[in-house]
Amino acid sequence: PGGMNINLRDDCYSHTTQTRTKIETSSGGSGGTTVDSD
């Protein structure tokens, strides 16, 4: 209140800003058991 005196009021939509972050996913292993020659 009292901060600014607006005589002409005309609100116009300009744009929307979106920030996107890429989430890295691991490919995963094949599983199983590694068994030696013995």
PDB file of all heavy atoms in Angstrom:
ATOM      1  N   PRO A   1       0.835  -1.221   0.000  1.00  0.00           N
ATOM      2  CA  PRO A   1       0.000   0.000   0.000  1.00  0.00           C
ATOM      3  C   PRO A   1       0.863   1.262   0.000  1.00  0.00           C
ATOM      4  O   PRO A   1       1.752   1.415   0.833  1.00  0.00           O
ATOM      5  CB  PRO A   1      -0.805  -0.134   1.297  1.00  0.00           C
ATOM      6  CG  PRO A   1      -0.830  -1.609   1.569  1.00  0.00           C
ATOM      7  CD  PRO A   1       0.479  -2.121   1.085  1.00  0.00           C
ATOM      8  N   GLY A   2       0.608   2.180  -0.949  1.00  0.00           N
ATOM      9  CA  GLY A   2       1.353   3.426  -1.032  1.00  0.00           C
ATOM     10  C   GLY A   2       2.710   3.282  -1.662  1.00  0.00           C
ATOM     11  O   GLY A   2       3.470   4.247  -1.731  1.00  0.00           O
ATOM     12  N   GLY A   3       3.051   2.102  -2.104  1.00  0.00           N
ATOM     13  CA  GLY A   3       4.381   1.872  -2.649  1.00  0.00           C
ATOM     14  C   GLY A   3       4.547   2.440  -4.045  1.00  0.00           C
ATOM     15  O   GLY A   3       5.622   2.865  -4.432  1.00  0.00           O
ATOM     16  N   MET A   4       3.472   2.477  -4.838  1.00  0.00           N
ATOM     17  CA  MET A   4       3.572   2.967  -6.204  1.00  0.00           C
ATOM     18  C   MET A   4       2.170   3.363  -6.681  1.00  0.00           C
ATOM     19  O   MET A   4       1.188   2.690  -6.378  1.00  0.00           O
ATOM     20  CB  MET A   4       4.157   1.889  -7.127  1.00  0.00           C
ATOM     21  CG  MET A   4       4.320   2.341  -8.576  1.00  0.00           C
ATOM     22  SD  MET A   4       4.997   1.030  -9.615  1.00  0.00           S
ATOM     23  CE  MET A   4       6.653   0.927  -8.946  1.00  0.00           C
ATOM     24  N   ASN A   5       2.135   4.461  -7.393  1.00  0.00           N
ATOM     25  CA  ASN A   5       0.855   4.952  -7.911  1.00  0.00           C
ATOM     26  C   ASN A   5       0.758   4.574  -9.392  1.00  0.00           C
ATOM     27  O   ASN A   5       1.490   5.082 -10.228  1.00  0.00           O
ATOM     28  CB  ASN A   5       0.758   6.469  -7.745  1.00  0.00           C
ATOM     29  CG  ASN A   5      -0.598   6.986  -8.203  1.00  0.00           C
ATOM     30  OD1 ASN A   5      -1.555   6.219  -8.309  1.00  0.00           O
ATOM     31  ND2 ASN A   5      -0.671   8.288  -8.469  1.00  0.00           N
ATOM     32  N   ILE A   6      -0.108   3.663  -9.719  1.00  0.00           N
ATOM     33  CA  ILE A   6      -0.255   3.191 -11.086  1.00  0.00           C
ATOM     34  C   ILE A   6      -1.475   3.859 -11.710  1.00  0.00           C
ATOM     35  O   ILE A   6      -2.601   3.688 -11.248  1.00  0.00           O
ATOM     36  CB  ILE A   6      -0.423   1.668 -11.125  1.00  0.00           C
ATOM     37  CG1 ILE A   6       0.808   0.975 -10.515  1.00  0.00           C
ATOM     38  CG2 ILE A   6      -0.640   1.175 -12.555  1.00  0.00           C
ATOM     39  CD1 ILE A   6       0.706  -0.519 -10.461  1.00  0.00           C
ATOM     40  N   ASN A   7      -1.243   4.685 -12.743  1.00  0.00           N
ATOM     41  CA  ASN A   7      -2.344   5.365 -13.443  1.00  0.00           C
ATOM     42  C   ASN A   7      -2.851   4.524 -14.609  1.00  0.00           C
ATOM     43  O   ASN A   7      -4.044   4.544 -14.933  1.00  0.00           O
ATOM     44  CB  ASN A   7      -1.875   6.719 -13.963  1.00  0.00           C
ATOM     45  CG  ASN A   7      -1.541   7.679 -12.815  1.00  0.00           C
ATOM     46  OD1 ASN A   7      -2.244   7.697 -11.811  1.00  0.00           O
ATOM     47  ND2 ASN A   7      -0.454   8.433 -12.962  1.00  0.00           N
ATOM     48  N   LEU A   8      -1.920   3.835 -15.259  1.00  0.00           N
ATOM     49  CA  LEU A   8      -2.293   3.011 -16.398  1.00  0.00           C
ATOM     50  C   LEU A   8      -1.896   1.572 -16.087  1.00  0.00           C
ATOM     51  O   LEU A   8      -0.761   1.287 -15.735  1.00  0.00           O
ATOM     52  CB  LEU A   8      -1.564   3.461 -17.673  1.00  0.00           C
ATOM     53  CG  LEU A   8      -1.828   2.605 -18.924  1.00  0.00           C
ATOM     54  CD1 LEU A   8      -3.317   2.668 -19.289  1.00  0.00           C
ATOM     55  CD2 LEU A   8      -0.977   3.089 -20.080  1.00  0.00           C
ATOM     56  N   ARG A   9      -2.803   0.667 -16.168  1.00  0.00           N
ATOM     57  CA  ARG A   9      -2.563  -0.724 -15.811  1.00  0.00           C
ATOM     58  C   ARG A   9      -2.872  -1.601 -17.014  1.00  0.00           C
ATOM     59  O   ARG A   9      -3.999  -1.618 -17.513  1.00  0.00           O
ATOM     60  CB  ARG A   9      -3.425  -1.107 -14.623  1.00  0.00           C
ATOM     61  CG  ARG A   9      -3.152  -2.519 -14.096  1.00  0.00           C
ATOM     62  CD  ARG A   9      -3.880  -2.755 -12.789  1.00  0.00           C
ATOM     63  NE  ARG A   9      -5.318  -2.581 -12.973  1.00  0.00           N
ATOM     64  CZ  ARG A   9      -6.186  -2.438 -11.973  1.00  0.00           C
ATOM     65  NH1 ARG A   9      -5.746  -2.394 -10.732  1.00  0.00           N
ATOM     66  NH2 ARG A   9      -7.465  -2.320 -12.208  1.00  0.00           N
ATOM     67  N   ASP A  10      -1.861  -2.293 -17.499  1.00  0.00           N
ATOM     68  CA  ASP A  10      -2.031  -3.180 -18.665  1.00  0.00           C
ATOM     69  C   ASP A  10      -1.100  -4.373 -18.493  1.00  0.00           C
ATOM     70  O   ASP A  10       0.065  -4.305 -18.811  1.00  0.00           O
ATOM     71  CB  ASP A  10      -1.705  -2.431 -19.957  1.00  0.00           C
ATOM     72  CG  ASP A  10      -2.059  -3.272 -21.183  1.00  0.00           C
ATOM     73  OD1 ASP A  10      -2.707  -4.326 -20.998  1.00  0.00           O
ATOM     74  OD2 ASP A  10      -1.674  -2.859 -22.288  1.00  0.00           O
ATOM     75  N   ASP A  11      -1.615  -5.453 -17.901  1.00  0.00           N
ATOM     76  CA  ASP A  11      -0.796  -6.639 -17.642  1.00  0.00           C
ATOM     77  C   ASP A  11      -0.769  -7.521 -18.876  1.00  0.00           C
ATOM     78  O   ASP A  11      -1.814  -7.910 -19.404  1.00  0.00           O
ATOM     79  CB  ASP A  11      -1.371  -7.453 -16.466  1.00  0.00           C
ATOM     80  CG  ASP A  11      -1.338  -6.636 -15.173  1.00  0.00           C
ATOM     81  OD1 ASP A  11      -0.435  -5.802 -15.052  1.00  0.00           O
ATOM     82  OD2 ASP A  11      -2.218  -6.856 -14.313  1.00  0.00           O
ATOM     83  N   CYS A  12       0.432  -7.851 -19.338  1.00  0.00           N
ATOM     84  CA  CYS A  12       0.595  -8.718 -20.507  1.00  0.00           C
ATOM     85  C   CYS A  12       1.489  -9.901 -20.144  1.00  0.00           C
ATOM     86  O   CYS A  12       2.517  -9.729 -19.501  1.00  0.00           O
ATOM     87  CB  CYS A  12       1.225  -7.944 -21.684  1.00  0.00           C
ATOM     88  SG  CYS A  12       0.198  -6.585 -22.265  1.00  0.00           S
ATOM     89  N   TYR A  13       1.062 -11.074 -20.558  1.00  0.00           N
ATOM     90  CA  TYR A  13       1.878 -12.281 -20.328  1.00  0.00           C
ATOM     91  C   TYR A  13       3.078 -12.249 -21.259  1.00  0.00           C
ATOM     92  O   TYR A  13       2.945 -12.036 -22.447  1.00  0.00           O
ATOM     93  CB  TYR A  13       1.042 -13.536 -20.594  1.00  0.00           C
ATOM     94  CG  TYR A  13       1.851 -14.811 -20.554  1.00  0.00           C
ATOM     95  CD1 TYR A  13       2.176 -15.396 -19.337  1.00  0.00           C
ATOM     96  CD2 TYR A  13       2.291 -15.404 -21.729  1.00  0.00           C
ATOM     97  CE1 TYR A  13       2.923 -16.555 -19.305  1.00  0.00           C
ATOM     98  CE2 TYR A  13       3.045 -16.562 -21.701  1.00  0.00           C
ATOM     99  CZ  TYR A  13       3.358 -17.143 -20.486  1.00  0.00           C
ATOM    100  OH  TYR A  13       4.092 -18.296 -20.433  1.00  0.00           O
ATOM    101  N   SER A  14       4.265 -12.436 -20.690  1.00  0.00           N
ATOM    102  CA  SER A  14       5.476 -12.393 -21.500  1.00  0.00           C
ATOM    103  C   SER A  14       5.957 -13.806 -21.822  1.00  0.00           C
ATOM    104  O   SER A  14       5.936 -14.247 -22.960  1.00  0.00           O
ATOM    105  CB  SER A  14       6.589 -11.623 -20.761  1.00  0.00           C
ATOM    106  OG  SER A  14       7.791 -11.707 -21.479  1.00  0.00           O
ATOM    107  N   HIS A  15       6.420 -14.536 -20.812  1.00  0.00           N
ATOM    108  CA  HIS A  15       6.912 -15.880 -21.060  1.00  0.00           C
ATOM    109  C   HIS A  15       7.057 -16.636 -19.738  1.00  0.00           C
ATOM    110  O   HIS A  15       6.988 -16.027 -18.674  1.00  0.00           O
ATOM    111  CB  HIS A  15       8.285 -15.840 -21.768  1.00  0.00           C
ATOM    112  CG  HIS A  15       9.359 -15.210 -20.942  1.00  0.00           C
ATOM    113  ND1 HIS A  15       9.514 -13.839 -20.837  1.00  0.00           N
ATOM    114  CD2 HIS A  15      10.318 -15.773 -20.174  1.00  0.00           C
ATOM    115  CE1 HIS A  15      10.527 -13.570 -20.041  1.00  0.00           C
ATOM    116  NE2 HIS A  15      11.039 -14.736 -19.618  1.00  0.00           N
ATOM    117  N   THR A  16       7.233 -17.948 -19.841  1.00  0.00           N
ATOM    118  CA  THR A  16       7.484 -18.810 -18.688  1.00  0.00           C
ATOM    119  C   THR A  16       8.866 -19.432 -18.841  1.00  0.00           C
ATOM    120  O   THR A  16       9.202 -19.946 -19.902  1.00  0.00           O
ATOM    121  CB  THR A  16       6.433 -19.935 -18.598  1.00  0.00           C
ATOM    122  OG1 THR A  16       5.143 -19.332 -18.436  1.00  0.00           O
ATOM    123  CG2 THR A  16       6.725 -20.853 -17.402  1.00  0.00           C
ATOM    124  N   THR A  17       9.659 -19.359 -17.776  1.00  0.00           N
ATOM    125  CA  THR A  17      11.000 -19.941 -17.806  1.00  0.00           C
ATOM    126  C   THR A  17      10.985 -21.309 -17.139  1.00  0.00           C
ATOM    127  O   THR A  17      10.514 -21.447 -16.013  1.00  0.00           O
ATOM    128  CB  THR A  17      12.010 -19.026 -17.079  1.00  0.00           C
ATOM    129  OG1 THR A  17      12.016 -17.755 -17.713  1.00  0.00           O
ATOM    130  CG2 THR A  17      13.401 -19.650 -17.113  1.00  0.00           C
ATOM    131  N   GLN A  18      11.479 -22.334 -17.826  1.00  0.00           N
ATOM    132  CA  GLN A  18      11.576 -23.685 -17.290  1.00  0.00           C
ATOM    133  C   GLN A  18      13.037 -24.116 -17.254  1.00  0.00           C
ATOM    134  O   GLN A  18      13.767 -23.902 -18.220  1.00  0.00           O
ATOM    135  CB  GLN A  18      10.789 -24.674 -18.153  1.00  0.00           C
ATOM    136  CG  GLN A  18       9.283 -24.463 -18.104  1.00  0.00           C
ATOM    137  CD  GLN A  18       8.563 -25.535 -18.893  1.00  0.00           C
ATOM    138  OE1 GLN A  18       9.170 -26.224 -19.712  1.00  0.00           O
ATOM    139  NE2 GLN A  18       7.269 -25.680 -18.650  1.00  0.00           N
ATOM    140  N   THR A  19      13.442 -24.695 -16.122  1.00  0.00           N
ATOM    141  CA  THR A  19      14.801 -25.227 -15.976  1.00  0.00           C
ATOM    142  C   THR A  19      14.718 -26.744 -15.897  1.00  0.00           C
ATOM    143  O   THR A  19      14.014 -27.292 -15.054  1.00  0.00           O
ATOM    144  CB  THR A  19      15.472 -24.681 -14.695  1.00  0.00           C
ATOM    145  OG1 THR A  19      15.505 -23.252 -14.769  1.00  0.00           O
ATOM    146  CG2 THR A  19      16.886 -25.221 -14.564  1.00  0.00           C
ATOM    147  N   ARG A  20      15.431 -27.426 -16.768  1.00  0.00           N
ATOM    148  CA  ARG A  20      15.400 -28.883 -16.817  1.00  0.00           C
ATOM    149  C   ARG A  20      16.796 -29.440 -16.533  1.00  0.00           C
ATOM    150  O   ARG A  20      17.779 -28.947 -17.067  1.00  0.00           O
ATOM    151  CB  ARG A  20      14.913 -29.375 -18.180  1.00  0.00           C
ATOM    152  CG  ARG A  20      13.488 -28.909 -18.500  1.00  0.00           C
ATOM    153  CD  ARG A  20      13.024 -29.477 -19.831  1.00  0.00           C
ATOM    154  NE  ARG A  20      11.671 -29.034 -20.146  1.00  0.00           N
ATOM    155  CZ  ARG A  20      10.997 -29.406 -21.228  1.00  0.00           C
ATOM    156  NH1 ARG A  20      11.572 -30.213 -22.118  1.00  0.00           N
ATOM    157  NH2 ARG A  20       9.770 -28.972 -21.436  1.00  0.00           N
ATOM    158  N   THR A  21      16.833 -30.468 -15.676  1.00  0.00           N
ATOM    159  CA  THR A  21      18.090 -31.135 -15.346  1.00  0.00           C
ATOM    160  C   THR A  21      18.002 -32.582 -15.761  1.00  0.00           C
ATOM    161  O   THR A  21      17.065 -33.298 -15.376  1.00  0.00           O
ATOM    162  CB  THR A  21      18.377 -31.053 -13.830  1.00  0.00           C
ATOM    163  OG1 THR A  21      18.403 -29.676 -13.445  1.00  0.00           O
ATOM    164  CG2 THR A  21      19.714 -31.717 -13.498  1.00  0.00           C
ATOM    165  N   LYS A  22      18.973 -33.064 -16.517  1.00  0.00           N
ATOM    166  CA  LYS A  22      18.981 -34.440 -16.977  1.00  0.00           C
ATOM    167  C   LYS A  22      19.407 -35.362 -15.840  1.00  0.00           C
ATOM    168  O   LYS A  22      20.397 -35.136 -15.159  1.00  0.00           O
ATOM    169  CB  LYS A  22      19.953 -34.599 -18.153  1.00  0.00           C
ATOM    170  CG  LYS A  22      19.982 -36.016 -18.714  1.00  0.00           C
ATOM    171  CD  LYS A  22      20.950 -36.119 -19.878  1.00  0.00           C
ATOM    172  CE  LYS A  22      20.989 -37.545 -20.421  1.00  0.00           C
ATOM    173  NZ  LYS A  22      21.941 -37.666 -21.549  1.00  0.00           N
ATOM    174  N   ILE A  23      18.632 -36.430 -15.598  1.00  0.00           N
ATOM    175  CA  ILE A  23      18.936 -37.405 -14.564  1.00  0.00           C
ATOM    176  C   ILE A  23      19.613 -38.595 -15.222  1.00  0.00           C
ATOM    177  O   ILE A  23      19.034 -39.282 -16.067  1.00  0.00           O
ATOM    178  CB  ILE A  23      17.657 -37.863 -13.837  1.00  0.00           C
ATOM    179  CG1 ILE A  23      16.974 -36.649 -13.179  1.00  0.00           C
ATOM    180  CG2 ILE A  23      17.984 -38.932 -12.802  1.00  0.00           C
ATOM    181  CD1 ILE A  23      15.667 -36.990 -12.520  1.00  0.00           C
ATOM    182  N   GLU A  24      20.869 -38.827 -14.837  1.00  0.00           N
ATOM    183  CA  GLU A  24      21.614 -39.929 -15.413  1.00  0.00           C
ATOM    184  C   GLU A  24      21.172 -41.242 -14.765  1.00  0.00           C
ATOM    185  O   GLU A  24      21.017 -41.331 -13.544  1.00  0.00           O
ATOM    186  CB  GLU A  24      23.120 -39.734 -15.188  1.00  0.00           C
ATOM    187  CG  GLU A  24      23.672 -38.461 -15.812  1.00  0.00           C
ATOM    188  CD  GLU A  24      23.665 -38.512 -17.335  1.00  0.00           C
ATOM    189  OE1 GLU A  24      23.539 -39.625 -17.883  1.00  0.00           O
ATOM    190  OE2 GLU A  24      23.775 -37.449 -17.958  1.00  0.00           O
ATOM    191  N   THR A  25      20.950 -42.261 -15.565  1.00  0.00           N
ATOM    192  CA  THR A  25      20.583 -43.572 -15.051  1.00  0.00           C
ATOM    193  C   THR A  25      21.665 -44.573 -15.418  1.00  0.00           C
ATOM    194  O   THR A  25      22.251 -44.518 -16.492  1.00  0.00           O
ATOM    195  CB  THR A  25      19.246 -44.049 -15.647  1.00  0.00           C
ATOM    196  OG1 THR A  25      19.355 -44.065 -17.075  1.00  0.00           O
ATOM    197  CG2 THR A  25      18.123 -43.106 -15.257  1.00  0.00           C
ATOM    198  N   SER A  26      21.917 -45.505 -14.470  1.00  0.00           N
ATOM    199  CA  SER A  26      22.946 -46.516 -14.729  1.00  0.00           C
ATOM    200  C   SER A  26      22.365 -47.625 -15.591  1.00  0.00           C
ATOM    201  O   SER A  26      21.183 -47.944 -15.513  1.00  0.00           O
ATOM    202  CB  SER A  26      23.450 -47.106 -13.404  1.00  0.00           C
ATOM    203  OG  SER A  26      22.382 -47.690 -12.691  1.00  0.00           O
ATOM    204  N   SER A  27      23.212 -48.200 -16.395  1.00  0.00           N
ATOM    205  CA  SER A  27      22.746 -49.246 -17.284  1.00  0.00           C
ATOM    206  C   SER A  27      22.559 -50.578 -16.572  1.00  0.00           C
ATOM    207  O   SER A  27      21.843 -51.448 -17.032  1.00  0.00           O
ATOM    208  CB  SER A  27      23.761 -49.432 -18.429  1.00  0.00           C
ATOM    209  OG  SER A  27      25.038 -49.753 -17.899  1.00  0.00           O
ATOM    210  N   GLY A  28      23.210 -50.723 -15.379  1.00  0.00           N
ATOM    211  CA  GLY A  28      23.060 -51.950 -14.609  1.00  0.00           C
ATOM    212  C   GLY A  28      23.981 -53.048 -15.104  1.00  0.00           C
ATOM    213  O   GLY A  28      24.437 -53.063 -16.235  1.00  0.00           O
ATOM    214  N   GLY A  29      24.238 -54.018 -14.216  1.00  0.00           N
ATOM    215  CA  GLY A  29      25.113 -55.113 -14.578  1.00  0.00           C
ATOM    216  C   GLY A  29      24.319 -56.318 -15.051  1.00  0.00           C
ATOM    217  O   GLY A  29      23.096 -56.353 -14.996  1.00  0.00           O
ATOM    218  N   SER A  30      25.040 -57.302 -15.529  1.00  0.00           N
ATOM    219  CA  SER A  30      24.381 -58.490 -16.050  1.00  0.00           C
ATOM    220  C   SER A  30      24.080 -59.497 -14.947  1.00  0.00           C
ATOM    221  O   SER A  30      23.321 -60.436 -15.156  1.00  0.00           O
ATOM    222  CB  SER A  30      25.261 -59.134 -17.122  1.00  0.00           C
ATOM    223  OG  SER A  30      26.534 -59.461 -16.582  1.00  0.00           O
ATOM    224  N   GLY A  31      24.669 -59.313 -13.775  1.00  0.00           N
ATOM    225  CA  GLY A  31      24.404 -60.220 -12.670  1.00  0.00           C
ATOM    226  C   GLY A  31      25.179 -61.525 -12.797  1.00  0.00           C
ATOM    227  O   GLY A  31      26.112 -61.665 -13.580  1.00  0.00           O
ATOM    228  N   GLY A  32      24.779 -62.513 -11.978  1.00  0.00           N
ATOM    229  CA  GLY A  32      25.454 -63.803 -12.002  1.00  0.00           C
ATOM    230  C   GLY A  32      26.653 -63.858 -11.077  1.00  0.00           C
ATOM    231  O   GLY A  32      26.871 -62.980 -10.246  1.00  0.00           O
ATOM    232  N   THR A  33      27.450 -64.913 -11.227  1.00  0.00           N
ATOM    233  CA  THR A  33      28.600 -65.161 -10.365  1.00  0.00           C
ATOM    234  C   THR A  33      29.844 -65.429 -11.199  1.00  0.00           C
ATOM    235  O   THR A  33      29.801 -66.229 -12.136  1.00  0.00           O
ATOM    236  CB  THR A  33      28.335 -66.375  -9.450  1.00  0.00           C
ATOM    237  OG1 THR A  33      27.100 -66.185  -8.747  1.00  0.00           O
ATOM    238  CG2 THR A  33      29.459 -66.550  -8.437  1.00  0.00           C
ATOM    239  N   THR A  34      30.934 -64.774 -10.854  1.00  0.00           N
ATOM    240  CA  THR A  34      32.206 -64.989 -11.533  1.00  0.00           C
ATOM    241  C   THR A  34      32.958 -66.116 -10.831  1.00  0.00           C
ATOM    242  O   THR A  34      33.361 -65.971  -9.673  1.00  0.00           O
ATOM    243  CB  THR A  34      33.060 -63.710 -11.523  1.00  0.00           C
ATOM    244  OG1 THR A  34      32.305 -62.640 -12.109  1.00  0.00           O
ATOM    245  CG2 THR A  34      34.343 -63.913 -12.297  1.00  0.00           C
ATOM    246  N   VAL A  35      33.133 -67.231 -11.512  1.00  0.00           N
ATOM    247  CA  VAL A  35      33.745 -68.423 -10.923  1.00  0.00           C
ATOM    248  C   VAL A  35      35.122 -68.655 -11.542  1.00  0.00           C
ATOM    249  O   VAL A  35      35.283 -68.566 -12.765  1.00  0.00           O
ATOM    250  CB  VAL A  35      32.853 -69.657 -11.150  1.00  0.00           C
ATOM    251  CG1 VAL A  35      33.479 -70.906 -10.524  1.00  0.00           C
ATOM    252  CG2 VAL A  35      31.460 -69.425 -10.566  1.00  0.00           C
ATOM    253  N   ASP A  36      36.127 -68.937 -10.690  1.00  0.00           N
ATOM    254  CA  ASP A  36      37.471 -69.158 -11.214  1.00  0.00           C
ATOM    255  C   ASP A  36      37.658 -70.593 -11.694  1.00  0.00           C
ATOM    256  O   ASP A  36      36.734 -71.418 -11.646  1.00  0.00           O
ATOM    257  CB  ASP A  36      38.528 -68.767 -10.175  1.00  0.00           C
ATOM    258  CG  ASP A  36      38.515 -69.663  -8.939  1.00  0.00           C
ATOM    259  OD1 ASP A  36      37.964 -70.788  -9.011  1.00  0.00           O
ATOM    260  OD2 ASP A  36      39.055 -69.256  -7.898  1.00  0.00           O
ATOM    261  N   SER A  37      38.862 -70.906 -12.145  1.00  0.00           N
ATOM    262  CA  SER A  37      39.131 -72.219 -12.728  1.00  0.00           C
ATOM    263  C   SER A  37      39.051 -73.350 -11.712  1.00  0.00           C
ATOM    264  O   SER A  37      38.916 -74.521 -12.082  1.00  0.00           O
ATOM    265  CB  SER A  37      40.520 -72.226 -13.377  1.00  0.00           C
ATOM    266  OG  SER A  37      41.527 -71.902 -12.419  1.00  0.00           O
ATOM    267  N   ASP A  38      39.122 -73.023 -10.416  1.00  0.00           N
ATOM    268  CA  ASP A  38      39.007 -74.036  -9.367  1.00  0.00           C
ATOM    269  C   ASP A  38      37.573 -74.219  -8.886  1.00  0.00           C
ATOM    270  O   ASP A  38      37.315 -75.012  -7.973  1.00  0.00           O
ATOM    271  CB  ASP A  38      39.893 -73.666  -8.172  1.00  0.00           C
ATOM    272  CG  ASP A  38      41.371 -73.685  -8.518  1.00  0.00           C
ATOM    273  OD1 ASP A  38      41.779 -74.587  -9.280  1.00  0.00           O
ATOM    274  OD2 ASP A  38      42.113 -72.801  -8.051  1.00  0.00           O
TER     275      ASP A  38
END
